[in-house]
């Protein structure tokens, strides 16, 4: 996983650490932690030009 480039991975100044801000319920968390795939289904890359490309 490339969490460092995900927009859901944010810095918390109070804890002085990074964390994922995706809110999962208990069932979703279980499926997320036990999945076999290495790719994150909640990954959202920081692509500033995505909107511009969509408009073209």
N, C-alpha and C. Protein backbone atom coordinates (compact mmCIF):
# COMPACT_ATOMS: atom_id res chain seq x y z
N UNK A 1 0.83 -1.19 0.00
CA UNK A 1 0.00 0.00 0.00
C UNK A 1 0.87 1.25 0.00
N UNK A 2 0.44 2.22 -0.68
CA UNK A 2 1.15 3.50 -0.75
C UNK A 2 0.38 4.54 0.06
N UNK A 3 0.29 4.36 1.34
CA UNK A 3 -0.47 5.28 2.19
C UNK A 3 0.08 6.70 2.16
N UNK A 4 1.37 6.83 1.98
CA UNK A 4 1.99 8.16 1.99
C UNK A 4 1.42 9.10 0.94
N UNK A 5 0.96 8.57 -0.18
CA UNK A 5 0.43 9.41 -1.25
C UNK A 5 -1.09 9.44 -1.28
N UNK A 6 -1.75 8.86 -0.29
CA UNK A 6 -3.21 8.82 -0.23
C UNK A 6 -3.75 10.07 0.47
N UNK A 7 -4.82 10.63 -0.06
CA UNK A 7 -5.41 11.82 0.55
C UNK A 7 -6.13 11.51 1.86
N UNK A 8 -6.41 10.24 2.13
CA UNK A 8 -7.04 9.84 3.39
C UNK A 8 -6.03 9.70 4.53
N UNK A 9 -4.76 9.75 4.21
CA UNK A 9 -3.69 9.57 5.19
C UNK A 9 -3.22 10.95 5.63
N UNK A 10 -3.64 11.38 6.82
CA UNK A 10 -3.39 12.76 7.26
C UNK A 10 -2.57 12.80 8.55
N UNK A 11 -1.93 13.93 8.73
CA UNK A 11 -1.08 14.14 9.91
C UNK A 11 -1.92 14.72 11.05
N UNK A 12 -1.80 14.14 12.23
CA UNK A 12 -2.48 14.62 13.43
C UNK A 12 -1.45 15.30 14.32
N UNK A 13 -1.58 16.61 14.45
CA UNK A 13 -0.60 17.37 15.24
C UNK A 13 -0.63 17.00 16.71
N UNK A 14 -1.80 16.65 17.25
CA UNK A 14 -1.91 16.30 18.66
C UNK A 14 -1.13 15.02 18.98
N UNK A 15 -1.23 14.02 18.12
CA UNK A 15 -0.54 12.75 18.33
C UNK A 15 0.85 12.72 17.71
N UNK A 16 1.14 13.73 16.87
CA UNK A 16 2.40 13.79 16.15
C UNK A 16 2.62 12.53 15.31
N UNK A 17 1.55 12.12 14.61
CA UNK A 17 1.63 10.93 13.78
C UNK A 17 0.63 11.02 12.62
N UNK A 18 0.81 10.14 11.65
CA UNK A 18 -0.11 10.04 10.53
C UNK A 18 -1.11 8.93 10.78
N UNK A 19 -2.32 9.08 10.24
CA UNK A 19 -3.32 8.02 10.35
C UNK A 19 -4.29 8.10 9.18
N UNK A 20 -4.97 7.00 8.94
CA UNK A 20 -5.95 6.91 7.87
C UNK A 20 -7.29 7.42 8.40
N UNK A 21 -7.91 8.30 7.63
CA UNK A 21 -9.16 8.93 8.08
C UNK A 21 -10.41 8.26 7.51
N UNK A 22 -10.28 7.09 6.89
CA UNK A 22 -11.43 6.37 6.37
C UNK A 22 -12.20 5.80 7.56
N UNK A 23 -13.47 6.11 7.62
CA UNK A 23 -14.30 5.64 8.72
C UNK A 23 -14.97 4.32 8.34
N UNK A 24 -14.59 3.26 9.03
CA UNK A 24 -15.13 1.93 8.75
C UNK A 24 -15.93 1.42 9.93
N UNK A 25 -17.04 0.74 9.65
CA UNK A 25 -17.76 0.10 10.75
C UNK A 25 -17.07 -1.24 11.05
N UNK A 26 -17.58 -1.98 12.01
CA UNK A 26 -16.91 -3.20 12.46
C UNK A 26 -16.79 -4.24 11.35
N UNK A 27 -17.84 -4.43 10.57
CA UNK A 27 -17.80 -5.41 9.48
C UNK A 27 -16.82 -4.99 8.39
N UNK A 28 -16.84 -3.72 8.03
CA UNK A 28 -15.93 -3.23 7.01
C UNK A 28 -14.48 -3.35 7.46
N UNK A 29 -14.23 -3.08 8.72
CA UNK A 29 -12.87 -3.19 9.25
C UNK A 29 -12.39 -4.64 9.21
N UNK A 30 -13.26 -5.57 9.56
CA UNK A 30 -12.90 -6.99 9.51
C UNK A 30 -12.52 -7.39 8.08
N UNK A 31 -13.35 -7.01 7.11
CA UNK A 31 -13.06 -7.36 5.72
C UNK A 31 -11.80 -6.67 5.21
N UNK A 32 -11.58 -5.45 5.65
CA UNK A 32 -10.38 -4.72 5.26
C UNK A 32 -9.12 -5.41 5.80
N UNK A 33 -9.14 -5.82 7.04
CA UNK A 33 -7.97 -6.44 7.67
C UNK A 33 -7.72 -7.87 7.21
N UNK A 34 -8.74 -8.58 6.77
CA UNK A 34 -8.58 -9.98 6.38
C UNK A 34 -8.56 -10.18 4.87
N UNK A 35 -8.54 -9.12 4.10
CA UNK A 35 -8.55 -9.27 2.64
C UNK A 35 -7.22 -9.84 2.16
N UNK A 36 -7.26 -10.45 1.01
CA UNK A 36 -6.06 -11.08 0.44
C UNK A 36 -5.34 -10.13 -0.50
N UNK A 37 -6.03 -9.16 -1.00
CA UNK A 37 -5.43 -8.21 -1.94
C UNK A 37 -4.54 -7.23 -1.19
N UNK A 38 -3.45 -6.85 -1.82
CA UNK A 38 -2.52 -5.89 -1.22
C UNK A 38 -2.93 -4.45 -1.50
N UNK A 39 -3.81 -4.25 -2.49
CA UNK A 39 -4.22 -2.89 -2.82
C UNK A 39 -5.36 -2.44 -1.91
N UNK A 40 -5.35 -1.19 -1.54
CA UNK A 40 -6.36 -0.64 -0.64
C UNK A 40 -7.57 -0.16 -1.45
N UNK A 41 -8.77 -0.63 -1.13
CA UNK A 41 -9.96 -0.18 -1.86
C UNK A 41 -10.34 1.26 -1.56
N UNK A 42 -9.75 1.84 -0.54
CA UNK A 42 -10.09 3.22 -0.13
C UNK A 42 -9.01 4.21 -0.54
N UNK A 43 -8.02 3.74 -1.30
CA UNK A 43 -6.94 4.62 -1.72
C UNK A 43 -7.47 5.72 -2.63
N UNK A 44 -7.09 6.94 -2.34
CA UNK A 44 -7.46 8.09 -3.14
C UNK A 44 -6.19 8.91 -3.36
N UNK A 45 -5.63 8.78 -4.55
CA UNK A 45 -4.37 9.46 -4.85
C UNK A 45 -4.55 10.97 -4.91
N UNK A 46 -3.49 11.65 -4.59
CA UNK A 46 -3.51 13.11 -4.59
C UNK A 46 -3.20 13.60 -6.01
N UNK A 47 -4.21 13.55 -6.86
CA UNK A 47 -4.06 13.94 -8.26
C UNK A 47 -4.74 15.29 -8.48
N UNK A 48 -3.96 16.36 -8.46
CA UNK A 48 -4.50 17.71 -8.58
C UNK A 48 -5.12 17.97 -9.94
N UNK A 49 -4.70 17.25 -10.96
CA UNK A 49 -5.14 17.53 -12.32
C UNK A 49 -6.29 16.62 -12.77
N UNK A 50 -6.81 15.81 -11.89
CA UNK A 50 -7.90 14.89 -12.24
C UNK A 50 -9.13 15.65 -12.74
N UNK A 51 -9.49 16.71 -12.08
CA UNK A 51 -10.67 17.50 -12.47
C UNK A 51 -10.44 18.15 -13.82
N UNK A 52 -9.25 18.64 -14.04
CA UNK A 52 -8.93 19.30 -15.31
C UNK A 52 -9.01 18.32 -16.46
N UNK A 53 -8.46 17.13 -16.29
CA UNK A 53 -8.50 16.11 -17.35
C UNK A 53 -9.95 15.70 -17.62
N UNK A 54 -10.77 15.64 -16.59
CA UNK A 54 -12.17 15.27 -16.75
C UNK A 54 -12.93 16.32 -17.56
N UNK A 55 -12.58 17.57 -17.42
CA UNK A 55 -13.25 18.65 -18.12
C UNK A 55 -12.89 18.70 -19.61
N UNK A 56 -11.75 18.14 -19.97
CA UNK A 56 -11.30 18.17 -21.37
C UNK A 56 -12.04 17.22 -22.21
